[in-house]
């Protein structure tokens, strides 16, 4: 279900977002997602410390973007002649396979791959 936020650069918009983030670390779910990147990109400047929860969340997403090497900037791209990605094509490993192995990528690389996938 989509979570609507309006005018996140206004005091009332930041207050609503601050209240929403009171008991949450991310906009949706339990890890950073495309929703966090979307809301982060909509905020034109770092929020005032008056909005404690928004400031905490904003700084956290900012740090994740910095360590991943992904910026929110871009000119936009069009990929022609490729098949669209279908949500079902993204598989979640079974619970038994979630144990990390010595061949798995470092967390920063996984986050970078996730961001690349979500932004494309």
C-alpha atoms as a PDB file:
ATOM      1  CA  UNK A   1       0.000   0.000   0.000  1.00  0.00           C
ATOM      2  CA  UNK A   2       1.387   3.386  -0.973  1.00  0.00           C
ATOM      3  CA  UNK A   3       2.061   5.843   1.815  1.00  0.00           C
ATOM      4  CA  UNK A   4       1.168   9.386   0.711  1.00  0.00           C
ATOM      5  CA  UNK A   5       3.333  12.326   1.746  1.00  0.00           C
ATOM      6  CA  UNK A   6       2.578  15.839   0.551  1.00  0.00           C
ATOM      7  CA  UNK A   7       4.956  18.770   0.308  1.00  0.00           C
ATOM      8  CA  UNK A   8       7.762  17.284   2.416  1.00  0.00           C
ATOM      9  CA  UNK A   9       9.620  20.592   2.194  1.00  0.00           C
ATOM     10  CA  UNK A  10       6.944  22.459   4.162  1.00  0.00           C
ATOM     11  CA  UNK A  11       6.696  22.521   7.953  1.00  0.00           C
ATOM     12  CA  UNK A  12       3.416  20.599   7.890  1.00  0.00           C
ATOM     13  CA  UNK A  13       4.836  18.005   5.479  1.00  0.00           C
ATOM     14  CA  UNK A  14       7.964  17.518   7.595  1.00  0.00           C
ATOM     15  CA  UNK A  15       5.814  17.253  10.745  1.00  0.00           C
ATOM     16  CA  UNK A  16       3.683  14.519   9.150  1.00  0.00           C
ATOM     17  CA  UNK A  17       6.810  12.662   8.018  1.00  0.00           C
ATOM     18  CA  UNK A  18       8.364  13.109  11.477  1.00  0.00           C
ATOM     19  CA  UNK A  19       5.277  11.627  13.136  1.00  0.00           C
ATOM     20  CA  UNK A  20       5.259   8.759  10.639  1.00  0.00           C
ATOM     21  CA  UNK A  21       8.933   7.939  11.325  1.00  0.00           C
ATOM     22  CA  UNK A  22       8.482   8.029  15.107  1.00  0.00           C
ATOM     23  CA  UNK A  23       8.248   4.228  15.289  1.00  0.00           C
ATOM     24  CA  UNK A  24       9.902   3.370  11.955  1.00  0.00           C
ATOM     25  CA  UNK A  25      13.429   3.222  10.605  1.00  0.00           C
ATOM     26  CA  UNK A  26      12.361   3.265   6.957  1.00  0.00           C
ATOM     27  CA  UNK A  27       9.457   4.564   4.889  1.00  0.00           C
ATOM     28  CA  UNK A  28       8.247   1.027   4.158  1.00  0.00           C
ATOM     29  CA  UNK A  29       9.498  -2.308   5.413  1.00  0.00           C
ATOM     30  CA  UNK A  30      12.504  -3.142   7.522  1.00  0.00           C
ATOM     31  CA  UNK A  31      15.308  -2.086   5.192  1.00  0.00           C
ATOM     32  CA  UNK A  32      16.088   0.826   2.899  1.00  0.00           C
ATOM     33  CA  UNK A  33      14.091   0.697  -0.301  1.00  0.00           C
ATOM     34  CA  UNK A  34      13.121   2.647  -3.385  1.00  0.00           C
ATOM     35  CA  UNK A  35      10.519   4.412  -1.217  1.00  0.00           C
ATOM     36  CA  UNK A  36      13.262   5.820   1.027  1.00  0.00           C
ATOM     37  CA  UNK A  37      15.240   7.029  -1.982  1.00  0.00           C
ATOM     38  CA  UNK A  38      12.123   8.653  -3.464  1.00  0.00           C
ATOM     39  CA  UNK A  39      11.242  10.548  -0.290  1.00  0.00           C
ATOM     40  CA  UNK A  40      14.906  11.459   0.338  1.00  0.00           C
ATOM     41  CA  UNK A  41      15.164  12.903  -3.180  1.00  0.00           C
ATOM     42  CA  UNK A  42      11.983  14.943  -2.624  1.00  0.00           C
ATOM     43  CA  UNK A  43      13.488  16.722   0.403  1.00  0.00           C
ATOM     44  CA  UNK A  44      15.351  19.734  -0.978  1.00  0.00           C
ATOM     45  CA  UNK A  45      17.737  20.241   1.974  1.00  0.00           C
ATOM     46  CA  UNK A  46      18.650  18.422   5.184  1.00  0.00           C
ATOM     47  CA  UNK A  47      15.769  18.807   7.635  1.00  0.00           C
ATOM     48  CA  UNK A  48      16.027  20.927  10.758  1.00  0.00           C
ATOM     49  CA  UNK A  49      16.966  19.145  13.986  1.00  0.00           C
ATOM     50  CA  UNK A  50      13.494  20.198  15.161  1.00  0.00           C
ATOM     51  CA  UNK A  51      12.259  17.155  13.230  1.00  0.00           C
ATOM     52  CA  UNK A  52      14.221  14.548  15.182  1.00  0.00           C
ATOM     53  CA  UNK A  53      12.875  11.464  13.416  1.00  0.00           C
ATOM     54  CA  UNK A  54      13.161  12.914   9.926  1.00  0.00           C
ATOM     55  CA  UNK A  55      16.727  14.091  10.675  1.00  0.00           C
ATOM     56  CA  UNK A  56      17.688  10.622  11.952  1.00  0.00           C
ATOM     57  CA  UNK A  57      16.165   8.907   8.917  1.00  0.00           C
ATOM     58  CA  UNK A  58      17.553  11.478   6.433  1.00  0.00           C
ATOM     59  CA  UNK A  59      21.103  11.161   7.804  1.00  0.00           C
ATOM     60  CA  UNK A  60      20.862   7.365   7.740  1.00  0.00           C
ATOM     61  CA  UNK A  61      19.688   7.259   4.099  1.00  0.00           C
ATOM     62  CA  UNK A  62      22.315   9.872   3.204  1.00  0.00           C
ATOM     63  CA  UNK A  63      25.012   7.636   4.748  1.00  0.00           C
ATOM     64  CA  UNK A  64      23.733   4.552   2.901  1.00  0.00           C
ATOM     65  CA  UNK A  65      23.816   6.441  -0.390  1.00  0.00           C
ATOM     66  CA  UNK A  66      27.355   7.695   0.350  1.00  0.00           C
ATOM     67  CA  UNK A  67      28.790   4.258   1.151  1.00  0.00           C
ATOM     68  CA  UNK A  68      27.067   2.720  -1.849  1.00  0.00           C
ATOM     69  CA  UNK A  69      28.574   5.264  -4.208  1.00  0.00           C
ATOM     70  CA  UNK A  70      25.136   6.004  -5.672  1.00  0.00           C
ATOM     71  CA  UNK A  71      24.007   9.611  -5.910  1.00  0.00           C
ATOM     72  CA  UNK A  72      20.431  10.724  -6.287  1.00  0.00           C
ATOM     73  CA  UNK A  73      21.457  12.688  -9.353  1.00  0.00           C
ATOM     74  CA  UNK A  74      21.169  11.558 -12.914  1.00  0.00           C
ATOM     75  CA  UNK A  75      20.058  12.679 -16.324  1.00  0.00           C
ATOM     76  CA  UNK A  76      17.665   9.812 -16.929  1.00  0.00           C
ATOM     77  CA  UNK A  77      18.137   6.955 -19.336  1.00  0.00           C
ATOM     78  CA  UNK A  78      16.001   5.002 -21.732  1.00  0.00           C
ATOM     79  CA  UNK A  79      16.716   1.353 -22.378  1.00  0.00           C
ATOM     80  CA  UNK A  80      15.233   0.208 -25.642  1.00  0.00           C
ATOM     81  CA  UNK A  81      14.824  -3.353 -26.795  1.00  0.00           C
ATOM     82  CA  UNK A  82      14.942  -4.972 -23.376  1.00  0.00           C
ATOM     83  CA  UNK A  83      12.242  -6.878 -21.592  1.00  0.00           C
ATOM     84  CA  UNK A  84      10.637  -5.198 -18.573  1.00  0.00           C
ATOM     85  CA  UNK A  85      11.519  -6.582 -15.151  1.00  0.00           C
ATOM     86  CA  UNK A  86       8.633  -8.499 -13.635  1.00  0.00           C
ATOM     87  CA  UNK A  87       8.269  -8.346  -9.846  1.00  0.00           C
ATOM     88  CA  UNK A  88       7.974 -12.145  -9.617  1.00  0.00           C
ATOM     89  CA  UNK A  89      11.381 -12.442 -11.285  1.00  0.00           C
ATOM     90  CA  UNK A  90      13.046 -11.126  -8.136  1.00  0.00           C
ATOM     91  CA  UNK A  91      13.365 -14.191  -5.958  1.00  0.00           C
ATOM     92  CA  UNK A  92      13.711 -14.223  -2.207  1.00  0.00           C
ATOM     93  CA  UNK A  93      15.883 -17.117  -1.067  1.00  0.00           C
ATOM     94  CA  UNK A  94      14.195 -19.771   1.067  1.00  0.00           C
ATOM     95  CA  UNK A  95      14.728 -19.435   4.800  1.00  0.00           C
ATOM     96  CA  UNK A  96      17.164 -22.366   4.792  1.00  0.00           C
ATOM     97  CA  UNK A  97      19.394 -20.613   2.238  1.00  0.00           C
ATOM     98  CA  UNK A  98      19.700 -17.295   4.098  1.00  0.00           C
ATOM     99  CA  UNK A  99      22.884 -18.322   5.926  1.00  0.00           C
ATOM    100  CA  UNK A 100      25.733 -16.134   4.667  1.00  0.00           C
ATOM    101  CA  UNK A 101      28.541 -17.962   2.932  1.00  0.00           C
ATOM    102  CA  UNK A 102      32.168 -17.019   2.473  1.00  0.00           C
ATOM    103  CA  UNK A 103      31.465 -16.316  -1.212  1.00  0.00           C
ATOM    104  CA  UNK A 104      28.753 -13.706  -0.579  1.00  0.00           C
ATOM    105  CA  UNK A 105      29.402 -10.067  -1.480  1.00  0.00           C
ATOM    106  CA  UNK A 106      30.087  -7.504   1.218  1.00  0.00           C
ATOM    107  CA  UNK A 107      26.986  -5.700   2.479  1.00  0.00           C
ATOM    108  CA  UNK A 108      27.959  -2.413   0.781  1.00  0.00           C
ATOM    109  CA  UNK A 109      28.158  -4.168  -2.601  1.00  0.00           C
ATOM    110  CA  UNK A 110      24.773  -5.792  -2.044  1.00  0.00           C
ATOM    111  CA  UNK A 111      23.258  -2.429  -1.179  1.00  0.00           C
ATOM    112  CA  UNK A 112      24.836  -0.897  -4.276  1.00  0.00           C
ATOM    113  CA  UNK A 113      23.404  -3.687  -6.423  1.00  0.00           C
ATOM    114  CA  UNK A 114      19.975  -3.189  -4.829  1.00  0.00           C
ATOM    115  CA  UNK A 115      20.049   0.559  -5.436  1.00  0.00           C
ATOM    116  CA  UNK A 116      21.153   0.073  -9.029  1.00  0.00           C
ATOM    117  CA  UNK A 117      18.330  -2.387  -9.587  1.00  0.00           C
ATOM    118  CA  UNK A 118      15.737  -0.122  -7.949  1.00  0.00           C
ATOM    119  CA  UNK A 119      16.876   3.011  -9.755  1.00  0.00           C
ATOM    120  CA  UNK A 120      16.918   1.399 -13.198  1.00  0.00           C
END
